[in-house]
Amino acid sequence: MDNKLMFSEAGVFYLQQLASLVFKHSGVRHKLSTREGQISLLHAGQSSAQRDIQNCWRQLIATLQPQQKLALEREGLHFTPSLNRQAS
């Protein structure tokens, strides 16, 4: 079985958008074809202070099912409402 995370069509769209935004701001590419690349991108998106990245992160998270959030929480991601830590 494949070790990648499973996203809905909307989730894939926002994941790709997030990858593009993170690359634009940091120059770092994330390999979306691997679980490690996806998790790394999600961590980068979650910790970013850039407003466009935060907005895309929220849109991606809104596409996730509860069991997907639980699986990602085991990877060290957090889905609390306190995402507005810093204004950019």
Protein backbone atom coordinates (compact mmCIF):
# COMPACT_ATOMS: atom_id res chain seq x y z
CA MET A 1 0.00 0.00 0.00
CA ASP A 2 1.08 3.56 -0.75
CA ASN A 3 2.42 5.56 2.21
CA LYS A 4 1.10 8.94 0.98
CA LEU A 5 -1.64 10.83 2.75
CA MET A 6 -5.03 10.82 1.08
CA PHE A 7 -6.64 14.17 0.30
CA SER A 8 -9.92 15.06 -1.38
CA GLU A 9 -9.79 16.86 -4.73
CA ALA A 10 -10.17 20.17 -2.93
CA GLY A 11 -7.49 19.11 -0.46
CA VAL A 12 -5.08 18.30 -3.29
CA PHE A 13 -5.78 21.70 -4.84
CA TYR A 14 -4.97 23.51 -1.57
CA LEU A 15 -1.95 21.27 -0.93
CA GLN A 16 -0.55 22.28 -4.33
CA GLN A 17 -1.35 25.93 -3.64
CA LEU A 18 0.36 25.68 -0.26
CA ALA A 19 3.45 24.14 -1.86
CA SER A 20 3.57 26.97 -4.38
CA LEU A 21 3.22 29.67 -1.71
CA VAL A 22 5.81 28.10 0.58
CA PHE A 23 8.22 27.88 -2.36
CA LYS A 24 7.53 31.50 -3.31
CA HIS A 25 8.34 32.74 0.20
CA SER A 26 11.11 30.34 1.24
CA GLY A 27 12.58 28.85 -1.92
CA VAL A 28 12.05 25.38 -0.42
CA ARG A 29 10.35 22.74 -2.56
CA HIS A 30 8.40 19.93 -0.95
CA LYS A 31 7.99 16.63 -2.75
CA LEU A 32 4.24 16.06 -2.72
CA SER A 33 4.57 12.51 -4.04
CA THR A 34 5.91 11.31 -0.67
CA ARG A 35 4.39 11.26 2.78
CA GLU A 36 7.52 12.88 4.20
CA GLY A 37 7.27 15.74 1.69
CA GLN A 38 3.61 16.26 2.47
CA ILE A 39 4.19 16.27 6.24
CA SER A 40 7.14 18.64 5.86
CA LEU A 41 5.00 21.00 3.77
CA LEU A 42 2.17 20.88 6.29
CA HIS A 43 4.60 21.75 9.10
CA ALA A 44 6.01 24.63 7.03
CA GLY A 45 2.51 25.90 6.29
CA GLN A 46 1.40 25.65 9.87
CA SER A 47 4.39 27.54 11.24
CA SER A 48 4.48 30.29 8.62
CA ALA A 49 3.77 33.89 9.58
CA GLN A 50 2.88 34.79 5.97
CA ARG A 51 -0.78 35.72 5.68
CA ASP A 52 -1.31 34.05 2.27
CA ILE A 53 0.22 30.82 3.55
CA GLN A 54 -1.92 30.94 6.71
CA ASN A 55 -5.07 31.44 4.62
CA CYS A 56 -4.20 28.54 2.33
CA TRP A 57 -3.35 26.38 5.37
CA ARG A 58 -6.80 27.08 6.86
CA GLN A 59 -8.52 26.24 3.57
CA LEU A 60 -6.61 22.95 3.34
CA ILE A 61 -7.42 22.04 6.94
CA ALA A 62 -11.11 22.73 6.29
CA THR A 63 -11.10 19.92 3.69
CA LEU A 64 -9.84 17.29 6.15
CA GLN A 65 -11.98 14.64 7.79
CA PRO A 66 -11.68 14.17 11.59
CA GLN A 67 -9.72 10.91 11.19
CA GLN A 68 -7.25 12.67 8.87
CA LYS A 69 -6.71 15.38 11.49
CA LEU A 70 -6.08 12.73 14.14
CA ALA A 71 -3.50 11.01 11.92
CA LEU A 72 -1.77 14.33 11.26
CA GLU A 73 -1.81 15.24 14.95
CA ARG A 74 0.27 12.08 15.51
CA GLU A 75 2.75 13.66 13.06
CA GLY A 76 3.03 16.74 15.32
CA LEU A 77 0.53 19.03 13.58
CA HIS A 78 -2.04 20.94 15.61
CA PHE A 79 -5.49 22.10 14.55
CA THR A 80 -6.46 24.55 17.26
CA PRO A 81 -8.06 27.89 16.37
CA SER A 82 -4.97 29.81 17.57
CA LEU A 83 -3.35 30.02 14.14
CA ASN A 84 -3.10 33.83 14.17
CA ARG A 85 0.04 33.96 16.26
CA GLN A 86 1.66 36.77 14.27
CA ALA A 87 0.49 39.30 11.77
CA SER A 88 2.62 39.65 8.67
